[in-house]
Amino acid sequence: MVINVLHEGICYLEEISRTTRIVDIKMKFEEKFNVSWVKLDLTYNGVLLSDELTVQDCQIPPGAELELILKIRVGINTHHQLYSLSVSDYETVGYLKQLLHTLSGVDVENKRLYFPKDRKLDECA
């Protein structure tokens, strides 16, 4: 069967079987983009797909559209501690603050995140 994999506005057609694991699809793109499959996520209808599952497990039909997302590592320094988060490249500052609070209990209320060179980032950046 053929599926469509979208990445940065480009659609890639991939020939796979129903027993292909999600990790195997990611490995195909590891070769194409020269980036470790560990740094890639695949979603279907907005749901993150687990590496060990197969296309059949995820109920992905022929012609389905999957989205390939590159994860990036973000470091956040609170003057007391450096936190390192792995997130998708489209996440917002608001999401990063929420994640930092949820995972580490850091108070992020009325706080700003700064990009290098002291550029302030708003919640939607």
N, C-alpha and C. Protein backbone atom coordinates (compact mmCIF):
# COMPACT_ATOMS: atom_id res chain seq x y z
N MET A 1 0.84 -1.18 0.00
CA MET A 1 0.00 0.00 0.00
C MET A 1 0.88 1.24 0.00
N VAL A 2 0.30 2.37 -0.42
CA VAL A 2 1.02 3.63 -0.47
C VAL A 2 0.41 4.59 0.54
N ILE A 3 1.28 5.27 1.29
CA ILE A 3 0.84 6.32 2.20
C ILE A 3 1.52 7.63 1.81
N ASN A 4 0.96 8.74 2.25
CA ASN A 4 1.54 10.06 2.03
C ASN A 4 2.15 10.53 3.35
N VAL A 5 3.40 10.94 3.29
CA VAL A 5 4.06 11.47 4.49
C VAL A 5 4.42 12.92 4.20
N LEU A 6 3.83 13.83 4.99
CA LEU A 6 4.06 15.25 4.83
C LEU A 6 5.16 15.74 5.77
N HIS A 7 6.07 16.54 5.20
CA HIS A 7 7.11 17.16 6.01
C HIS A 7 7.44 18.51 5.41
N GLU A 8 7.23 19.58 6.19
CA GLU A 8 7.51 20.94 5.77
C GLU A 8 6.90 21.26 4.41
N GLY A 9 5.64 20.87 4.24
CA GLY A 9 4.89 21.20 3.03
C GLY A 9 5.16 20.32 1.83
N ILE A 10 6.04 19.35 1.98
CA ILE A 10 6.35 18.43 0.87
C ILE A 10 5.74 17.08 1.17
N CYS A 11 5.11 16.48 0.18
CA CYS A 11 4.47 15.18 0.33
C CYS A 11 5.36 14.09 -0.27
N TYR A 12 5.66 13.09 0.52
CA TYR A 12 6.47 11.95 0.09
C TYR A 12 5.58 10.72 0.03
N LEU A 13 5.58 10.03 -1.10
CA LEU A 13 4.83 8.80 -1.24
C LEU A 13 5.71 7.64 -0.81
N GLU A 14 5.18 6.81 0.09
CA GLU A 14 5.95 5.68 0.59
C GLU A 14 5.18 4.39 0.40
N GLU A 15 5.82 3.43 -0.20
CA GLU A 15 5.26 2.09 -0.39
C GLU A 15 5.61 1.27 0.85
N ILE A 16 4.59 0.81 1.55
CA ILE A 16 4.79 0.03 2.77
C ILE A 16 3.77 -1.10 2.83
N SER A 17 3.97 -2.02 3.75
CA SER A 17 2.98 -3.08 3.97
C SER A 17 2.21 -2.76 5.25
N ARG A 18 1.12 -3.44 5.47
CA ARG A 18 0.30 -3.21 6.68
C ARG A 18 1.07 -3.63 7.95
N THR A 19 2.09 -4.48 7.79
CA THR A 19 2.85 -4.95 8.95
C THR A 19 4.10 -4.09 9.21
N THR A 20 4.29 -3.03 8.43
CA THR A 20 5.42 -2.13 8.65
C THR A 20 5.25 -1.42 9.98
N ARG A 21 6.31 -1.39 10.78
CA ARG A 21 6.27 -0.69 12.06
C ARG A 21 6.51 0.81 11.83
N ILE A 22 5.98 1.62 12.72
CA ILE A 22 6.15 3.07 12.64
C ILE A 22 7.63 3.43 12.65
N VAL A 23 8.41 2.76 13.49
CA VAL A 23 9.85 3.03 13.56
C VAL A 23 10.52 2.77 12.21
N ASP A 24 10.04 1.79 11.45
CA ASP A 24 10.63 1.49 10.15
C ASP A 24 10.36 2.61 9.14
N ILE A 25 9.19 3.23 9.24
CA ILE A 25 8.88 4.38 8.37
C ILE A 25 9.81 5.54 8.74
N LYS A 26 9.98 5.77 10.04
CA LYS A 26 10.87 6.84 10.48
C LYS A 26 12.30 6.59 10.01
N MET A 27 12.72 5.33 9.99
CA MET A 27 14.08 4.99 9.55
C MET A 27 14.28 5.30 8.06
N LYS A 28 13.22 5.16 7.27
CA LYS A 28 13.32 5.54 5.85
C LYS A 28 13.65 7.01 5.71
N PHE A 29 13.07 7.84 6.58
CA PHE A 29 13.32 9.27 6.51
C PHE A 29 14.63 9.67 7.17
N GLU A 30 15.13 8.83 8.04
CA GLU A 30 16.45 9.05 8.61
C GLU A 30 17.47 9.11 7.48
N GLU A 31 17.35 8.20 6.54
CA GLU A 31 18.26 8.15 5.39
C GLU A 31 18.06 9.35 4.47
N LYS A 32 16.80 9.75 4.24
CA LYS A 32 16.51 10.86 3.32
C LYS A 32 16.99 12.20 3.87
N PHE A 33 16.81 12.42 5.17
CA PHE A 33 17.11 13.73 5.77
C PHE A 33 18.41 13.76 6.55
N ASN A 34 19.09 12.62 6.64
CA ASN A 34 20.34 12.53 7.39
C ASN A 34 20.16 13.02 8.83
N VAL A 35 19.10 12.57 9.47
CA VAL A 35 18.82 12.89 10.86
C VAL A 35 18.36 11.61 11.54
N SER A 36 18.78 11.38 12.76
CA SER A 36 18.44 10.16 13.48
C SER A 36 16.93 9.99 13.59
N TRP A 37 16.46 8.77 13.40
CA TRP A 37 15.02 8.49 13.50
C TRP A 37 14.48 8.83 14.89
N VAL A 38 15.35 8.84 15.89
CA VAL A 38 14.94 9.17 17.26
C VAL A 38 14.45 10.62 17.35
N LYS A 39 14.92 11.47 16.44
CA LYS A 39 14.52 12.87 16.43
C LYS A 39 13.28 13.12 15.57
N LEU A 40 12.64 12.05 15.11
CA LEU A 40 11.46 12.19 14.26
C LEU A 40 10.23 11.62 14.95
N ASP A 41 9.11 12.29 14.76
CA ASP A 41 7.81 11.79 15.21
C ASP A 41 6.91 11.67 14.00
N LEU A 42 6.00 10.72 14.05
CA LEU A 42 4.97 10.59 13.02
C LEU A 42 3.61 10.73 13.69
N THR A 43 2.72 11.50 13.05
CA THR A 43 1.36 11.62 13.56
C THR A 43 0.38 11.23 12.45
N TYR A 44 -0.77 10.76 12.88
CA TYR A 44 -1.86 10.44 11.96
C TYR A 44 -3.13 11.02 12.57
N ASN A 45 -3.80 11.88 11.83
CA ASN A 45 -4.99 12.58 12.33
C ASN A 45 -4.72 13.27 13.66
N GLY A 46 -3.51 13.84 13.80
CA GLY A 46 -3.16 14.59 14.99
C GLY A 46 -2.72 13.75 16.18
N VAL A 47 -2.67 12.42 16.01
CA VAL A 47 -2.29 11.52 17.11
C VAL A 47 -0.86 11.05 16.88
N LEU A 48 -0.04 11.19 17.92
CA LEU A 48 1.35 10.72 17.86
C LEU A 48 1.37 9.20 17.79
N LEU A 49 2.12 8.64 16.84
CA LEU A 49 2.18 7.20 16.64
C LEU A 49 3.35 6.59 17.40
N SER A 50 3.11 5.48 18.08
CA SER A 50 4.14 4.78 18.86
C SER A 50 5.02 3.94 17.94
N ASP A 51 6.32 4.01 18.18
CA ASP A 51 7.31 3.36 17.32
C ASP A 51 7.08 1.87 17.13
N GLU A 52 6.68 1.16 18.20
CA GLU A 52 6.59 -0.30 18.13
C GLU A 52 5.34 -0.80 17.42
N LEU A 53 4.37 0.08 17.19
CA LEU A 53 3.12 -0.33 16.54
C LEU A 53 3.31 -0.46 15.04
N THR A 54 2.43 -1.24 14.42
CA THR A 54 2.45 -1.39 12.96
C THR A 54 1.40 -0.47 12.35
N VAL A 55 1.47 -0.33 11.05
CA VAL A 55 0.48 0.45 10.31
C VAL A 55 -0.91 -0.12 10.57
N GLN A 56 -1.02 -1.44 10.58
CA GLN A 56 -2.30 -2.11 10.85
C GLN A 56 -2.78 -1.81 12.28
N ASP A 57 -1.87 -1.85 13.27
CA ASP A 57 -2.23 -1.53 14.65
C ASP A 57 -2.84 -0.13 14.76
N CYS A 58 -2.29 0.80 13.98
CA CYS A 58 -2.73 2.20 14.03
C CYS A 58 -3.94 2.47 13.13
N GLN A 59 -4.41 1.43 12.44
CA GLN A 59 -5.56 1.52 11.54
C GLN A 59 -5.36 2.61 10.47
N ILE A 60 -4.17 2.59 9.88
CA ILE A 60 -3.83 3.55 8.83
C ILE A 60 -4.21 2.92 7.49
N PRO A 61 -5.14 3.53 6.75
CA PRO A 61 -5.57 2.96 5.47
C PRO A 61 -4.65 3.38 4.32
N PRO A 62 -4.72 2.68 3.20
CA PRO A 62 -3.95 3.10 2.02
C PRO A 62 -4.32 4.54 1.65
N GLY A 63 -3.32 5.31 1.25
CA GLY A 63 -3.54 6.69 0.86
C GLY A 63 -3.61 7.67 2.03
N ALA A 64 -3.45 7.17 3.24
CA ALA A 64 -3.53 8.04 4.42
C ALA A 64 -2.40 9.06 4.40
N GLU A 65 -2.63 10.15 5.11
CA GLU A 65 -1.66 11.23 5.21
C GLU A 65 -1.08 11.27 6.63
N LEU A 66 0.21 11.01 6.74
CA LEU A 66 0.92 11.08 8.01
C LEU A 66 1.77 12.33 8.00
N GLU A 67 2.00 12.91 9.17
CA GLU A 67 2.86 14.08 9.26
C GLU A 67 4.15 13.68 9.97
N LEU A 68 5.27 14.05 9.37
CA LEU A 68 6.59 13.80 9.94
C LEU A 68 7.06 15.08 10.62
N ILE A 69 7.41 14.96 11.89
CA ILE A 69 7.78 16.13 12.69
C ILE A 69 9.18 15.93 13.23
N LEU A 70 10.01 16.95 13.07
CA LEU A 70 11.37 16.93 13.60
C LEU A 70 11.34 17.46 15.03
N LYS A 71 11.89 16.67 15.97
CA LYS A 71 11.99 17.10 17.36
C LYS A 71 13.29 17.87 17.55
N ILE A 72 13.23 18.90 18.36
CA ILE A 72 14.43 19.67 18.66
C ILE A 72 14.66 19.70 20.16
N ARG A 73 15.88 19.96 20.57
CA ARG A 73 16.24 20.04 21.97
C ARG A 73 16.29 21.51 22.35
N VAL A 74 15.60 21.86 23.43
CA VAL A 74 15.54 23.23 23.91
C VAL A 74 16.11 23.28 25.31
N GLY A 75 16.99 24.21 25.55
CA GLY A 75 17.52 24.42 26.89
C GLY A 75 16.92 25.67 27.49
N ILE A 76 16.49 25.58 28.74
CA ILE A 76 15.90 26.73 29.43
C ILE A 76 16.65 26.91 30.74
N ASN A 77 17.24 28.09 30.92
CA ASN A 77 18.01 28.41 32.11
C ASN A 77 17.18 29.32 33.01
N THR A 78 16.95 28.90 34.25
CA THR A 78 16.14 29.69 35.18
C THR A 78 17.00 30.45 36.18
N HIS A 79 18.26 30.60 35.92
CA HIS A 79 19.25 31.21 36.82
C HIS A 79 19.59 30.30 38.00
N HIS A 80 18.78 29.28 38.23
CA HIS A 80 19.05 28.33 39.30
C HIS A 80 19.41 26.96 38.73
N GLN A 81 18.84 26.66 37.56
CA GLN A 81 19.03 25.34 36.98
C GLN A 81 18.79 25.41 35.48
N LEU A 82 19.47 24.54 34.74
CA LEU A 82 19.27 24.43 33.30
C LEU A 82 18.38 23.22 33.03
N TYR A 83 17.30 23.43 32.32
CA TYR A 83 16.38 22.36 31.96
C TYR A 83 16.52 22.09 30.47
N SER A 84 16.45 20.84 30.09
CA SER A 84 16.56 20.44 28.70
C SER A 84 15.29 19.68 28.32
N LEU A 85 14.62 20.16 27.27
CA LEU A 85 13.37 19.55 26.81
C LEU A 85 13.50 19.13 25.36
N SER A 86 12.88 18.04 25.00
CA SER A 86 12.82 17.61 23.61
C SER A 86 11.39 17.85 23.13
N VAL A 87 11.24 18.72 22.13
CA VAL A 87 9.91 19.11 21.64
C VAL A 87 9.90 19.11 20.11
N SER A 88 8.72 19.15 19.55
CA SER A 88 8.58 19.25 18.10
C SER A 88 8.92 20.66 17.66
N ASP A 89 9.35 20.79 16.42
CA ASP A 89 9.83 22.08 15.94
C ASP A 89 8.74 23.13 15.76
N TYR A 90 7.48 22.77 15.94
CA TYR A 90 6.40 23.74 15.78
C TYR A 90 5.80 24.18 17.12
N GLU A 91 6.34 23.76 18.24
CA GLU A 91 5.77 24.09 19.54
C GLU A 91 5.90 25.59 19.83
N THR A 92 4.94 26.12 20.58
CA THR A 92 4.94 27.54 20.93
C THR A 92 5.64 27.76 22.27
N VAL A 93 5.95 29.01 22.55
CA VAL A 93 6.53 29.38 23.84
C VAL A 93 5.57 29.02 24.96
N GLY A 94 4.28 29.27 24.75
CA GLY A 94 3.28 28.92 25.75
C GLY A 94 3.32 27.44 26.10
N TYR A 95 3.48 26.60 25.07
CA TYR A 95 3.58 25.16 25.31
C TYR A 95 4.85 24.82 26.09
N LEU A 96 5.98 25.45 25.72
CA LEU A 96 7.23 25.19 26.44
C LEU A 96 7.11 25.56 27.91
N LYS A 97 6.48 26.69 28.20
CA LYS A 97 6.30 27.10 29.59
C LYS A 97 5.41 26.12 30.34
N GLN A 98 4.34 25.67 29.69
CA GLN A 98 3.43 24.70 30.32
C GLN A 98 4.17 23.39 30.60
N LEU A 99 4.95 22.93 29.64
CA LEU A 99 5.71 21.69 29.79
C LEU A 99 6.75 21.82 30.91
N LEU A 100 7.44 22.95 30.96
CA LEU A 100 8.42 23.19 32.01
C LEU A 100 7.77 23.15 33.39
N HIS A 101 6.60 23.76 33.50
CA HIS A 101 5.88 23.76 34.78
C HIS A 101 5.40 22.35 35.15
N THR A 102 4.84 21.64 34.18
CA THR A 102 4.30 20.30 34.42
C THR A 102 5.40 19.31 34.81
N LEU A 103 6.51 19.33 34.09
CA LEU A 103 7.57 18.35 34.33
C LEU A 103 8.47 18.69 35.52
N SER A 104 8.65 19.99 35.77
CA SER A 104 9.64 20.38 36.78
C SER A 104 9.09 21.25 37.90
N GLY A 105 7.84 21.65 37.80
CA GLY A 105 7.24 22.46 38.84
C GLY A 105 7.74 23.90 38.87
N VAL A 106 8.39 24.34 37.79
CA VAL A 106 8.92 25.70 37.74
C VAL A 106 7.76 26.68 37.59
N ASP A 107 7.78 27.75 38.40
CA ASP A 107 6.75 28.79 38.32
C ASP A 107 6.97 29.59 37.03
N VAL A 108 6.03 29.52 36.11
CA VAL A 108 6.17 30.22 34.83
C VAL A 108 5.14 31.33 34.68
N GLU A 109 4.31 31.53 35.69
CA GLU A 109 3.28 32.56 35.66
C GLU A 109 3.94 33.93 35.53
N ASN A 110 3.50 34.71 34.54
CA ASN A 110 4.01 36.06 34.29
C ASN A 110 5.52 36.11 34.06
N LYS A 111 6.07 35.06 33.49
CA LYS A 111 7.50 34.99 33.16
C LYS A 111 7.64 35.03 31.64
N ARG A 112 8.77 35.50 31.17
CA ARG A 112 9.06 35.55 29.74
C ARG A 112 10.22 34.60 29.44
N LEU A 113 10.18 34.04 28.25
CA LEU A 113 11.34 33.30 27.75
C LEU A 113 12.07 34.21 26.78
N TYR A 114 13.40 34.12 26.79
CA TYR A 114 14.21 34.94 25.91
C TYR A 114 14.99 34.06 24.96
N PHE A 115 15.04 34.52 23.74
CA PHE A 115 15.86 33.89 22.71
C PHE A 115 17.25 34.51 22.85
N PRO A 116 18.29 33.86 22.37
CA PRO A 116 19.61 34.50 22.45
C PRO A 116 19.57 35.94 21.95
N LYS A 117 20.39 36.78 22.49
CA LYS A 117 20.45 38.21 22.20
C LYS A 117 19.30 38.96 22.88
N ASP A 118 18.72 38.37 23.96
CA ASP A 118 17.67 39.00 24.76
C ASP A 118 16.41 39.36 23.97
N ARG A 119 16.12 38.62 22.93
CA ARG A 119 14.89 38.85 22.17
C ARG A 119 13.75 38.18 22.91
N LYS A 120 12.74 38.96 23.35
CA LYS A 120 11.60 38.41 24.08
C LYS A 120 10.73 37.60 23.12
N LEU A 121 10.16 36.52 23.63
CA LEU A 121 9.26 35.69 22.85
C LEU A 121 7.88 35.73 23.50
N ASP A 122 6.84 35.98 22.70
CA ASP A 122 5.50 35.97 23.28
C ASP A 122 4.97 34.54 23.30
N GLU A 123 3.79 34.36 23.88
CA GLU A 123 3.23 33.03 24.08
C GLU A 123 2.98 32.27 22.77
N CYS A 124 2.82 32.98 21.66
CA CYS A 124 2.48 32.33 20.38
C CYS A 124 3.68 32.08 19.49
N ALA A 125 4.85 32.60 19.88
CA ALA A 125 6.04 32.44 19.04
C ALA A 125 6.45 30.98 18.97
